[in-house]
Amino acid sequence: YTKFSQRNFKLDLKRCERILISSCEQCGRTYLMQI
């Protein structure tokens, strides 16, 4: 979050994790990117 960030936007970390898992399955990566 920066001084000019819109702080009303919150990340759904569970959704991000599901997307990362799907991405790893599609490309063959063996580790999840860390957020």
All heavy atoms as atom14 arrays in JSON, in Angstrom:
{
  "sequence": "YTKFSQRNFKLDLKRCERILISSCEQCGRTYLMQI",
  "atom14_mask": [
    [1, 1, 1, 1, 1, 1, 1, 1, 1, 1, 1, 1, 0, 0],
    [1, 1, 1, 1, 1, 1, 1, 0, 0, 0, 0, 0, 0, 0],
    [1, 1, 1, 1, 1, 1, 1, 1, 1, 0, 0, 0, 0, 0],
    [1, 1, 1, 1, 1, 1, 1, 1, 1, 1, 1, 0, 0, 0],
    [1, 1, 1, 1, 1, 1, 0, 0, 0, 0, 0, 0, 0, 0],
    [1, 1, 1, 1, 1, 1, 1, 1, 1, 0, 0, 0, 0, 0],
    [1, 1, 1, 1, 1, 1, 1, 1, 1, 1, 1, 0, 0, 0],
    [1, 1, 1, 1, 1, 1, 1, 1, 0, 0, 0, 0, 0, 0],
    [1, 1, 1, 1, 1, 1, 1, 1, 1, 1, 1, 0, 0, 0],
    [1, 1, 1, 1, 1, 1, 1, 1, 1, 0, 0, 0, 0, 0],
    [1, 1, 1, 1, 1, 1, 1, 1, 0, 0, 0, 0, 0, 0],
    [1, 1, 1, 1, 1, 1, 1, 1, 0, 0, 0, 0, 0, 0],
    [1, 1, 1, 1, 1, 1, 1, 1, 0, 0, 0, 0, 0, 0],
    [1, 1, 1, 1, 1, 1, 1, 1, 1, 0, 0, 0, 0, 0],
    [1, 1, 1, 1, 1, 1, 1, 1, 1, 1, 1, 0, 0, 0],
    [1, 1, 1, 1, 1, 1, 0, 0, 0, 0, 0, 0, 0, 0],
    [1, 1, 1, 1, 1, 1, 1, 1, 1, 0, 0, 0, 0, 0],
    [1, 1, 1, 1, 1, 1, 1, 1, 1, 1, 1, 0, 0, 0],
    [1, 1, 1, 1, 1, 1, 1, 1, 0, 0, 0, 0, 0, 0],
    [1, 1, 1, 1, 1, 1, 1, 1, 0, 0, 0, 0, 0, 0],
    [1, 1, 1, 1, 1, 1, 1, 1, 0, 0, 0, 0, 0, 0],
    [1, 1, 1, 1, 1, 1, 0, 0, 0, 0, 0, 0, 0, 0],
    [1, 1, 1, 1, 1, 1, 0, 0, 0, 0, 0, 0, 0, 0],
    [1, 1, 1, 1, 1, 1, 0, 0, 0, 0, 0, 0, 0, 0],
    [1, 1, 1, 1, 1, 1, 1, 1, 1, 0, 0, 0, 0, 0],
    [1, 1, 1, 1, 1, 1, 1, 1, 1, 0, 0, 0, 0, 0],
    [1, 1, 1, 1, 1, 1, 0, 0, 0, 0, 0, 0, 0, 0],
    [1, 1, 1, 1, 0, 0, 0, 0, 0, 0, 0, 0, 0, 0],
    [1, 1, 1, 1, 1, 1, 1, 1, 1, 1, 1, 0, 0, 0],
    [1, 1, 1, 1, 1, 1, 1, 0, 0, 0, 0, 0, 0, 0],
    [1, 1, 1, 1, 1, 1, 1, 1, 1, 1, 1, 1, 0, 0],
    [1, 1, 1, 1, 1, 1, 1, 1, 0, 0, 0, 0, 0, 0],
    [1, 1, 1, 1, 1, 1, 1, 1, 0, 0, 0, 0, 0, 0],
    [1, 1, 1, 1, 1, 1, 1, 1, 1, 0, 0, 0, 0, 0],
    [1, 1, 1, 1, 1, 1, 1, 1, 0, 0, 0, 0, 0, 0]
  ],
  "atom14_positions": [
    [[0.85, -1.18, 0.0], [0.0, 0.0, 0.0], [0.89, 1.23, 0.0], [1.78, 1.38, 0.83], [-0.92, 0.01, 1.22], [-2.0, -1.03, 1.14], [-1.91, -2.22, 1.83], [-3.12, -0.81, 0.35], [-2.9, -3.18, 1.75], [-4.12, -1.76, 0.26], [-4.0, -2.94, 0.96], [-4.99, -3.88, 0.87], [0.0, 0.0, 0.0], [0.0, 0.0, 0.0]],
    [[0.66, 2.11, -0.98], [1.41, 3.35, -1.07], [0.52, 4.5, -0.58], [-0.66, 4.29, -0.29], [1.88, 3.63, -2.51], [0.73, 3.82, -3.34], [2.73, 2.49, -3.04], [0.0, 0.0, 0.0], [0.0, 0.0, 0.0], [0.0, 0.0, 0.0], [0.0, 0.0, 0.0], [0.0, 0.0, 0.0], [0.0, 0.0, 0.0], [0.0, 0.0, 0.0]],
    [[1.09, 5.67, -0.52], [0.34, 6.83, -0.06], [-0.9, 7.08, -0.92], [-1.94, 7.49, -0.43], [1.23, 8.06, -0.05], [0.58, 9.29, 0.51], [1.56, 10.44, 0.61], [0.85, 11.65, 1.2], [1.75, 12.79, 1.31], [0.0, 0.0, 0.0], [0.0, 0.0, 0.0], [0.0, 0.0, 0.0], [0.0, 0.0, 0.0], [0.0, 0.0, 0.0]],
    [[-0.79, 6.79, -2.22], [-1.89, 7.06, -3.14], [-2.71, 5.81, -3.48], [-3.52, 5.84, -4.41], [-1.36, 7.7, -4.42], [-0.62, 8.98, -4.19], [0.61, 9.21, -4.78], [-1.14, 9.97, -3.36], [1.3, 10.39, -4.56], [-0.47, 11.15, -3.14], [0.76, 11.37, -3.74], [0.0, 0.0, 0.0], [0.0, 0.0, 0.0], [0.0, 0.0, 0.0]],
    [[-2.52, 4.71, -2.76], [-3.28, 3.49, -3.03], [-4.74, 3.65, -2.64], [-5.07, 4.38, -1.7], [-2.71, 2.31, -2.22], [-1.44, 1.95, -2.65], [0.0, 0.0, 0.0], [0.0, 0.0, 0.0], [0.0, 0.0, 0.0], [0.0, 0.0, 0.0], [0.0, 0.0, 0.0], [0.0, 0.0, 0.0], [0.0, 0.0, 0.0], [0.0, 0.0, 0.0]],
    [[-5.59, 2.92, -3.33], [-6.99, 2.85, -2.96], [-7.12, 1.73, -1.93], [-7.13, 0.56, -2.27], [-7.86, 2.56, -4.18], [-7.84, 3.65, -5.19], [-8.7, 3.31, -6.4], [-9.36, 2.28, -6.43], [-8.68, 4.18, -7.39], [0.0, 0.0, 0.0], [0.0, 0.0, 0.0], [0.0, 0.0, 0.0], [0.0, 0.0, 0.0], [0.0, 0.0, 0.0]],
    [[-7.2, 2.07, -0.7], [-7.19, 1.07, 0.38], [-8.51, 0.33, 0.54], [-8.62, -0.59, 1.32], [-6.79, 1.72, 1.69], [-5.34, 2.17, 1.66], [-4.88, 2.65, 3.01], [-3.52, 3.12, 2.93], [-2.48, 2.4, 3.28], [-2.64, 1.19, 3.76], [-1.27, 2.89, 3.19], [0.0, 0.0, 0.0], [0.0, 0.0, 0.0], [0.0, 0.0, 0.0]],
    [[-9.52, 0.72, -0.22], [-10.79, -0.01, -0.12], [-10.76, -1.31, -0.92], [-11.63, -2.14, -0.78], [-11.95, 0.87, -0.61], [-11.8, 1.29, -2.06], [-10.7, 1.26, -2.61], [-12.88, 1.7, -2.67], [0.0, 0.0, 0.0], [0.0, 0.0, 0.0], [0.0, 0.0, 0.0], [0.0, 0.0, 0.0], [0.0, 0.0, 0.0], [0.0, 0.0, 0.0]],
    [[-9.73, -1.51, -1.74], [-9.58, -2.74, -2.52], [-8.79, -3.75, -1.7], [-7.68, -3.49, -1.27], [-8.85, -2.45, -3.84], [-8.65, -3.68, -4.68], [-9.68, -4.18, -5.45], [-7.43, -4.34, -4.68], [-9.49, -5.32, -6.22], [-7.24, -5.47, -5.44], [-8.28, -5.96, -6.21], [0.0, 0.0, 0.0], [0.0, 0.0, 0.0], [0.0, 0.0, 0.0]],
    [[-9.36, -4.91, -1.44], [-8.7, -5.95, -0.66], [-8.54, -7.19, -1.51], [-9.46, -7.62, -2.2], [-9.52, -6.31, 0.59], [-9.74, -5.15, 1.53], [-8.46, -4.65, 2.13], [-8.74, -3.49, 3.06], [-7.58, -2.71, 3.36], [0.0, 0.0, 0.0], [0.0, 0.0, 0.0], [0.0, 0.0, 0.0], [0.0, 0.0, 0.0], [0.0, 0.0, 0.0]],
    [[-7.36, -7.78, -1.47], [-7.1, -9.0, -2.22], [-7.76, -10.2, -1.55], [-7.74, -10.32, -0.33], [-5.59, -9.27, -2.29], [-4.78, -8.42, -3.24], [-3.3, -8.74, -3.1], [-5.22, -8.64, -4.67], [0.0, 0.0, 0.0], [0.0, 0.0, 0.0], [0.0, 0.0, 0.0], [0.0, 0.0, 0.0], [0.0, 0.0, 0.0], [0.0, 0.0, 0.0]],
    [[-8.28, -11.08, -2.35], [-8.81, -12.35, -1.87], [-7.66, -13.36, -2.0], [-7.44, -13.93, -3.08], [-10.02, -12.76, -2.72], [-10.63, -14.06, -2.28], [-10.04, -14.78, -1.45], [-11.74, -14.38, -2.78], [0.0, 0.0, 0.0], [0.0, 0.0, 0.0], [0.0, 0.0, 0.0], [0.0, 0.0, 0.0], [0.0, 0.0, 0.0], [0.0, 0.0, 0.0]],
    [[-6.92, -13.56, -0.93], [-5.72, -14.39, -0.99], [-6.04, -15.86, -1.28], [-5.25, -16.54, -1.92], [-4.91, -14.25, 0.29], [-4.3, -12.86, 0.5], [-3.55, -12.79, 1.81], [-3.38, -12.49, -0.66], [0.0, 0.0, 0.0], [0.0, 0.0, 0.0], [0.0, 0.0, 0.0], [0.0, 0.0, 0.0], [0.0, 0.0, 0.0], [0.0, 0.0, 0.0]],
    [[-7.18, -16.35, -0.83], [-7.58, -17.73, -1.13], [-7.81, -17.9, -2.63], [-7.41, -18.89, -3.23], [-8.83, -18.13, -0.36], [-8.61, -18.27, 1.13], [-7.71, -19.46, 1.39], [-7.56, -19.66, 2.88], [-6.48, -20.6, 3.19], [0.0, 0.0, 0.0], [0.0, 0.0, 0.0], [0.0, 0.0, 0.0], [0.0, 0.0, 0.0], [0.0, 0.0, 0.0]],
    [[-8.44, -16.92, -3.25], [-8.66, -16.96, -4.7], [-7.32, -16.89, -5.43], [-7.1, -17.62, -6.4], [-9.56, -15.8, -5.12], [-9.85, -15.79, -6.61], [-10.88, -14.71, -6.96], [-11.19, -14.76, -8.37], [-10.66, -13.95, -9.28], [-9.8, -13.01, -8.91], [-10.98, -14.06, -10.54], [0.0, 0.0, 0.0], [0.0, 0.0, 0.0], [0.0, 0.0, 0.0]],
    [[-6.44, -16.02, -4.97], [-5.11, -15.92, -5.59], [-4.37, -17.26, -5.51], [-3.72, -17.67, -6.48], [-4.29, -14.83, -4.91], [-4.85, -13.16, -5.24], [0.0, 0.0, 0.0], [0.0, 0.0, 0.0], [0.0, 0.0, 0.0], [0.0, 0.0, 0.0], [0.0, 0.0, 0.0], [0.0, 0.0, 0.0], [0.0, 0.0, 0.0], [0.0, 0.0, 0.0]],
    [[-4.48, -17.93, -4.37], [-3.82, -19.23, -4.21], [-4.39, -20.27, -5.18], [-3.65, -21.04, -5.79], [-3.94, -19.72, -2.77], [-3.18, -21.0, -2.53], [-3.26, -21.47, -1.09], [-4.09, -20.94, -0.32], [-2.49, -22.38, -0.74], [0.0, 0.0, 0.0], [0.0, 0.0, 0.0], [0.0, 0.0, 0.0], [0.0, 0.0, 0.0], [0.0, 0.0, 0.0]],
    [[-5.72, -20.27, -5.36], [-6.33, -21.2, -6.31], [-5.85, -20.91, -7.74], [-5.57, -21.84, -8.5], [-7.86, -21.1, -6.25], [-8.47, -21.69, -4.99], [-9.98, -21.81, -5.08], [-10.67, -20.6, -5.47], [-11.13, -19.67, -4.63], [-10.97, -19.83, -3.33], [-11.77, -18.6, -5.08], [0.0, 0.0, 0.0], [0.0, 0.0, 0.0], [0.0, 0.0, 0.0]],
    [[-5.72, -19.65, -8.08], [-5.22, -19.28, -9.41], [-3.78, -19.73, -9.58], [-3.4, -20.27, -10.63], [-5.37, -17.76, -9.63], [-6.84, -17.38, -9.74], [-4.6, -17.31, -10.87], [-7.11, -15.89, -9.67], [0.0, 0.0, 0.0], [0.0, 0.0, 0.0], [0.0, 0.0, 0.0], [0.0, 0.0, 0.0], [0.0, 0.0, 0.0], [0.0, 0.0, 0.0]],
    [[-2.97, -19.54, -8.55], [-1.56, -19.97, -8.62], [-1.44, -21.49, -8.76], [-0.6, -21.99, -9.51], [-0.79, -19.49, -7.39], [-0.53, -18.0, -7.31], [0.08, -17.64, -5.97], [0.37, -17.56, -8.45], [0.0, 0.0, 0.0], [0.0, 0.0, 0.0], [0.0, 0.0, 0.0], [0.0, 0.0, 0.0], [0.0, 0.0, 0.0], [0.0, 0.0, 0.0]],
    [[-2.27, -22.22, -8.06], [-2.25, -23.69, -8.16], [-2.62, -24.11, -9.58], [-1.94, -24.95, -10.18], [-3.2, -24.32, -7.12], [-2.61, -24.14, -5.71], [-3.44, -25.79, -7.42], [-3.58, -24.48, -4.59], [0.0, 0.0, 0.0], [0.0, 0.0, 0.0], [0.0, 0.0, 0.0], [0.0, 0.0, 0.0], [0.0, 0.0, 0.0], [0.0, 0.0, 0.0]],
    [[-3.66, -23.52, -10.13], [-4.06, -23.84, -11.5], [-2.96, -23.49, -12.49], [-2.68, -24.24, -13.43], [-5.34, -23.1, -11.88], [-6.42, -23.55, -11.1], [0.0, 0.0, 0.0], [0.0, 0.0, 0.0], [0.0, 0.0, 0.0], [0.0, 0.0, 0.0], [0.0, 0.0, 0.0], [0.0, 0.0, 0.0], [0.0, 0.0, 0.0], [0.0, 0.0, 0.0]],
    [[-2.33, -22.36, -12.28], [-1.23, -21.93, -13.15], [-0.08, -22.93, -13.12], [0.48, -23.3, -14.15], [-0.75, -20.55, -12.72], [0.39, -20.17, -13.45], [0.0, 0.0, 0.0], [0.0, 0.0, 0.0], [0.0, 0.0, 0.0], [0.0, 0.0, 0.0], [0.0, 0.0, 0.0], [0.0, 0.0, 0.0], [0.0, 0.0, 0.0], [0.0, 0.0, 0.0]],
    [[0.27, -23.39, -11.92], [1.35, -24.38, -11.79], [0.98, -25.69, -12.48], [1.83, -26.31, -13.13], [1.65, -24.64, -10.31], [2.52, -23.3, -9.5], [0.0, 0.0, 0.0], [0.0, 0.0, 0.0], [0.0, 0.0, 0.0], [0.0, 0.0, 0.0], [0.0, 0.0, 0.0], [0.0, 0.0, 0.0], [0.0, 0.0, 0.0], [0.0, 0.0, 0.0]],
    [[-0.26, -26.1, -12.35], [-0.7, -27.34, -13.0], [-0.64, -27.22, -14.52], [-0.27, -28.16, -15.21], [-2.12, -27.67, -12.56], [-2.22, -28.13, -11.13], [-3.64, -28.28, -10.64], [-4.59, -27.85, -11.34], [-3.82, -28.81, -9.53], [0.0, 0.0, 0.0], [0.0, 0.0, 0.0], [0.0, 0.0, 0.0], [0.0, 0.0, 0.0], [0.0, 0.0, 0.0]],
    [[-0.96, -26.05, -15.05], [-0.97, -25.86, -16.5], [0.43, -25.78, -17.1], [0.67, -26.27, -18.2], [-1.74, -24.58, -16.86], [-3.22, -24.72, -16.64], [-3.96, -23.4, -16.88], [-3.38, -22.43, -17.31], [-5.25, -23.4, -16.59], [0.0, 0.0, 0.0], [0.0, 0.0, 0.0], [0.0, 0.0, 0.0], [0.0, 0.0, 0.0], [0.0, 0.0, 0.0]],
    [[1.37, -25.17, -16.38], [2.7, -24.96, -16.97], [3.74, -25.94, -16.44], [4.87, -25.95, -16.92], [3.17, -23.52, -16.75], [3.63, -23.16, -15.04], [0.0, 0.0, 0.0], [0.0, 0.0, 0.0], [0.0, 0.0, 0.0], [0.0, 0.0, 0.0], [0.0, 0.0, 0.0], [0.0, 0.0, 0.0], [0.0, 0.0, 0.0], [0.0, 0.0, 0.0]],
    [[3.4, -26.75, -15.45], [4.35, -27.74, -14.95], [5.29, -27.22, -13.89], [6.25, -27.9, -13.52], [0.0, 0.0, 0.0], [0.0, 0.0, 0.0], [0.0, 0.0, 0.0], [0.0, 0.0, 0.0], [0.0, 0.0, 0.0], [0.0, 0.0, 0.0], [0.0, 0.0, 0.0], [0.0, 0.0, 0.0], [0.0, 0.0, 0.0], [0.0, 0.0, 0.0]],
    [[5.05, -26.04, -13.37], [5.9, -25.5, -12.3], [5.68, -26.33, -11.05], [4.57, -26.75, -10.75], [5.55, -24.03, -12.04], [6.46, -23.39, -10.99], [6.1, -21.96, -10.68], [6.19, -21.14, -11.87], [5.34, -20.17, -12.16], [4.32, -19.91, -11.37], [5.5, -19.46, -13.25], [0.0, 0.0, 0.0], [0.0, 0.0, 0.0], [0.0, 0.0, 0.0]],
    [[6.72, -26.55, -10.28], [6.61, -27.4, -9.11], [6.48, -26.63, -7.8], [6.39, -27.24, -6.74], [7.84, -28.33, -9.01], [9.02, -27.53, -8.97], [7.89, -29.3, -10.18], [0.0, 0.0, 0.0], [0.0, 0.0, 0.0], [0.0, 0.0, 0.0], [0.0, 0.0, 0.0], [0.0, 0.0, 0.0], [0.0, 0.0, 0.0], [0.0, 0.0, 0.0]],
    [[6.52, -25.32, -7.85], [6.36, -24.54, -6.63], [5.44, -23.35, -6.88], [5.38, -22.82, -7.98], [7.72, -24.05, -6.11], [8.44, -23.14, -7.08], [8.3, -21.76, -7.02], [9.27, -23.66, -8.07], [8.93, -20.93, -7.92], [9.92, -22.84, -8.97], [9.75, -21.48, -8.88], [10.39, -20.66, -9.78], [0.0, 0.0, 0.0], [0.0, 0.0, 0.0]],
    [[4.74, -22.94, -5.83], [3.83, -21.8, -5.94], [4.6, -20.49, -5.76], [5.48, -20.4, -4.91], [2.75, -21.86, -4.85], [1.66, -22.9, -4.99], [0.71, -22.81, -3.81], [0.91, -22.73, -6.28], [0.0, 0.0, 0.0], [0.0, 0.0, 0.0], [0.0, 0.0, 0.0], [0.0, 0.0, 0.0], [0.0, 0.0, 0.0], [0.0, 0.0, 0.0]],
    [[4.23, -19.5, -6.54], [4.77, -18.17, -6.34], [4.26, -17.66, -4.98], [3.12, -17.93, -4.61], [4.28, -17.25, -7.47], [4.87, -15.89, -7.43], [4.44, -14.78, -8.79], [3.2, -15.6, -9.72], [0.0, 0.0, 0.0], [0.0, 0.0, 0.0], [0.0, 0.0, 0.0], [0.0, 0.0, 0.0], [0.0, 0.0, 0.0], [0.0, 0.0, 0.0]],
    [[5.11, -16.98, -4.24], [4.73, -16.47, -2.93], [4.13, -15.07, -3.07], [4.6, -14.26, -3.85], [5.96, -16.4, -2.02], [6.61, -17.75, -1.77], [5.67, -18.7, -1.06], [5.12, -18.37, -0.03], [5.49, -19.88, -1.63], [0.0, 0.0, 0.0], [0.0, 0.0, 0.0], [0.0, 0.0, 0.0], [0.0, 0.0, 0.0], [0.0, 0.0, 0.0]],
    [[3.09, -14.81, -2.3], [2.46, -13.49, -2.27], [2.68, -12.9, -0.89], [2.43, -13.55, 0.12], [0.94, -13.59, -2.55], [0.69, -14.14, -3.95], [0.29, -12.22, -2.38], [-0.77, -14.39, -4.25], [0.0, 0.0, 0.0], [0.0, 0.0, 0.0], [0.0, 0.0, 0.0], [0.0, 0.0, 0.0], [0.0, 0.0, 0.0], [0.0, 0.0, 0.0]]
  ]
}
